[in-house]
Amino acid sequence: MNKGELIDQIAAKVNTTKKEADAILTAAIEVIMDAVAEGEKVTLVGFGTFERRERQAREGRNPKTGTKLKIPATKVPAFSAGKQFKESVAP
């Protein structure tokens, strides 16, 4: 399912226009991304948790040449599915 299909489903479920559903979904995604970028944890009970995690510096290899290279530490977004979401996927 892509974003357009998701918007169609939301609009049908809450009986609103696709334009309004698009605006709401876009705003929700932006709020989640901004909060996680600032280091906050966003928890949607039953669905899951979005958070920023630290990835340690590590040593990697260039797959073409095999030479070692240093991969710097970074921050990455992470999602952990909630109990209700997990149960609905794998009952």
C-alpha atoms as a PDB file:
ATOM      1  CA  MET A   1       0.000   0.000   0.000  1.00  0.00           C
ATOM      2  CA  ASN A   2       1.394   3.412  -0.916  1.00  0.00           C
ATOM      3  CA  LYS A   3       0.537   6.830   0.558  1.00  0.00           C
ATOM      4  CA  GLY A   4      -2.238   7.483  -2.013  1.00  0.00           C
ATOM      5  CA  GLU A   5      -3.934   4.189  -1.224  1.00  0.00           C
ATOM      6  CA  LEU A   6      -3.587   4.848   2.507  1.00  0.00           C
ATOM      7  CA  ILE A   7      -5.231   8.262   2.059  1.00  0.00           C
ATOM      8  CA  ASP A   8      -8.106   6.612   0.153  1.00  0.00           C
ATOM      9  CA  GLN A   9      -8.608   4.110   2.993  1.00  0.00           C
ATOM     10  CA  ILE A  10      -8.513   6.823   5.676  1.00  0.00           C
ATOM     11  CA  ALA A  11     -10.962   9.024   3.782  1.00  0.00           C
ATOM     12  CA  ALA A  12     -13.395   6.117   3.386  1.00  0.00           C
ATOM     13  CA  LYS A  13     -13.061   5.005   7.025  1.00  0.00           C
ATOM     14  CA  VAL A  14     -13.707   8.430   8.601  1.00  0.00           C
ATOM     15  CA  ASN A  15     -16.076   9.626   5.870  1.00  0.00           C
ATOM     16  CA  THR A  16     -14.059  12.690   4.834  1.00  0.00           C
ATOM     17  CA  THR A  17     -12.547  14.006   1.614  1.00  0.00           C
ATOM     18  CA  LYS A  18      -9.266  12.705   0.259  1.00  0.00           C
ATOM     19  CA  LYS A  19      -7.829  16.224   0.481  1.00  0.00           C
ATOM     20  CA  GLU A  20      -8.597  16.440   4.223  1.00  0.00           C
ATOM     21  CA  ALA A  21      -7.304  12.916   4.832  1.00  0.00           C
ATOM     22  CA  ASP A  22      -4.091  13.789   2.975  1.00  0.00           C
ATOM     23  CA  ALA A  23      -3.602  16.943   5.059  1.00  0.00           C
ATOM     24  CA  ILE A  24      -4.139  15.042   8.321  1.00  0.00           C
ATOM     25  CA  LEU A  25      -1.844  12.164   7.377  1.00  0.00           C
ATOM     26  CA  THR A  26       0.885  14.519   6.147  1.00  0.00           C
ATOM     27  CA  ALA A  27       0.666  16.591   9.334  1.00  0.00           C
ATOM     28  CA  ALA A  28       0.833  13.475  11.526  1.00  0.00           C
ATOM     29  CA  ILE A  29       3.912  12.187   9.697  1.00  0.00           C
ATOM     30  CA  GLU A  30       5.624  15.584   9.936  1.00  0.00           C
ATOM     31  CA  VAL A  31       4.925  15.852  13.679  1.00  0.00           C
ATOM     32  CA  ILE A  32       6.341  12.353  14.282  1.00  0.00           C
ATOM     33  CA  MET A  33       9.442  13.060  12.174  1.00  0.00           C
ATOM     34  CA  ASP A  34      10.091  16.396  13.909  1.00  0.00           C
ATOM     35  CA  ALA A  35       9.710  14.877  17.381  1.00  0.00           C
ATOM     36  CA  VAL A  36      12.024  11.940  16.617  1.00  0.00           C
ATOM     37  CA  ALA A  37      14.585  14.287  15.014  1.00  0.00           C
ATOM     38  CA  GLU A  38      14.642  16.276  18.270  1.00  0.00           C
ATOM     39  CA  GLY A  39      15.316  13.096  20.251  1.00  0.00           C
ATOM     40  CA  GLU A  40      11.792  12.576  21.583  1.00  0.00           C
ATOM     41  CA  LYS A  41      10.068   9.210  21.693  1.00  0.00           C
ATOM     42  CA  VAL A  42       6.607   9.028  20.077  1.00  0.00           C
ATOM     43  CA  THR A  43       4.414   6.240  21.450  1.00  0.00           C
ATOM     44  CA  LEU A  44       1.106   5.271  19.886  1.00  0.00           C
ATOM     45  CA  VAL A  45      -0.369   2.732  22.295  1.00  0.00           C
ATOM     46  CA  GLY A  46      -1.210  -0.511  20.516  1.00  0.00           C
ATOM     47  CA  PHE A  47       0.582   0.558  17.317  1.00  0.00           C
ATOM     48  CA  GLY A  48       4.184   1.160  18.283  1.00  0.00           C
ATOM     49  CA  THR A  49       6.985   3.523  19.236  1.00  0.00           C
ATOM     50  CA  PHE A  50       9.109   5.763  17.037  1.00  0.00           C
ATOM     51  CA  GLU A  51      12.470   6.851  18.455  1.00  0.00           C
ATOM     52  CA  ARG A  52      15.985   7.962  17.580  1.00  0.00           C
ATOM     53  CA  ARG A  53      18.757   5.479  18.279  1.00  0.00           C
ATOM     54  CA  GLU A  54      22.510   5.875  18.354  1.00  0.00           C
ATOM     55  CA  ARG A  55      24.490   3.640  16.006  1.00  0.00           C
ATOM     56  CA  GLN A  56      28.078   3.108  17.191  1.00  0.00           C
ATOM     57  CA  ALA A  57      31.108   3.704  14.990  1.00  0.00           C
ATOM     58  CA  ARG A  58      32.307   0.482  13.438  1.00  0.00           C
ATOM     59  CA  GLU A  59      34.708  -0.945  10.919  1.00  0.00           C
ATOM     60  CA  GLY A  60      33.419  -1.973   7.505  1.00  0.00           C
ATOM     61  CA  ARG A  61      34.831  -3.214   4.227  1.00  0.00           C
ATOM     62  CA  ASN A  62      34.582  -1.896   0.711  1.00  0.00           C
ATOM     63  CA  PRO A  63      32.845  -4.803  -1.077  1.00  0.00           C
ATOM     64  CA  LYS A  64      34.630  -4.066  -4.348  1.00  0.00           C
ATOM     65  CA  THR A  65      38.217  -3.845  -3.084  1.00  0.00           C
ATOM     66  CA  GLY A  66      37.975  -5.486   0.330  1.00  0.00           C
ATOM     67  CA  THR A  67      39.817  -2.611   2.019  1.00  0.00           C
ATOM     68  CA  LYS A  68      38.845  -1.727   5.567  1.00  0.00           C
ATOM     69  CA  LEU A  69      37.140   1.581   6.246  1.00  0.00           C
ATOM     70  CA  LYS A  70      35.825   3.323   9.328  1.00  0.00           C
ATOM     71  CA  ILE A  71      32.058   3.912   9.463  1.00  0.00           C
ATOM     72  CA  PRO A  72      31.311   6.867  11.768  1.00  0.00           C
ATOM     73  CA  ALA A  73      28.735   6.859  14.573  1.00  0.00           C
ATOM     74  CA  THR A  74      25.315   8.150  13.550  1.00  0.00           C
ATOM     75  CA  LYS A  75      21.746   8.585  14.723  1.00  0.00           C
ATOM     76  CA  VAL A  76      19.017   6.565  13.004  1.00  0.00           C
ATOM     77  CA  PRO A  77      15.217   6.449  13.281  1.00  0.00           C
ATOM     78  CA  ALA A  78      13.753   3.257  14.712  1.00  0.00           C
ATOM     79  CA  PHE A  79      10.277   1.768  15.077  1.00  0.00           C
ATOM     80  CA  SER A  80       9.185  -0.886  17.558  1.00  0.00           C
ATOM     81  CA  ALA A  81       5.802  -2.454  16.947  1.00  0.00           C
ATOM     82  CA  GLY A  82       3.332  -2.485  19.834  1.00  0.00           C
ATOM     83  CA  LYS A  83       1.751  -5.613  21.294  1.00  0.00           C
ATOM     84  CA  GLN A  84      -1.622  -5.137  19.580  1.00  0.00           C
ATOM     85  CA  PHE A  85       0.048  -4.524  16.194  1.00  0.00           C
ATOM     86  CA  LYS A  86       2.246  -7.621  16.583  1.00  0.00           C
ATOM     87  CA  GLU A  87      -0.744  -9.758  17.536  1.00  0.00           C
ATOM     88  CA  SER A  88      -2.770  -8.586  14.532  1.00  0.00           C
ATOM     89  CA  VAL A  89       0.080  -9.458  12.153  1.00  0.00           C
ATOM     90  CA  ALA A  90       0.942 -12.859  13.638  1.00  0.00           C
ATOM     91  CA  PRO A  91      -2.075 -14.147  15.609  1.00  0.00           C
END
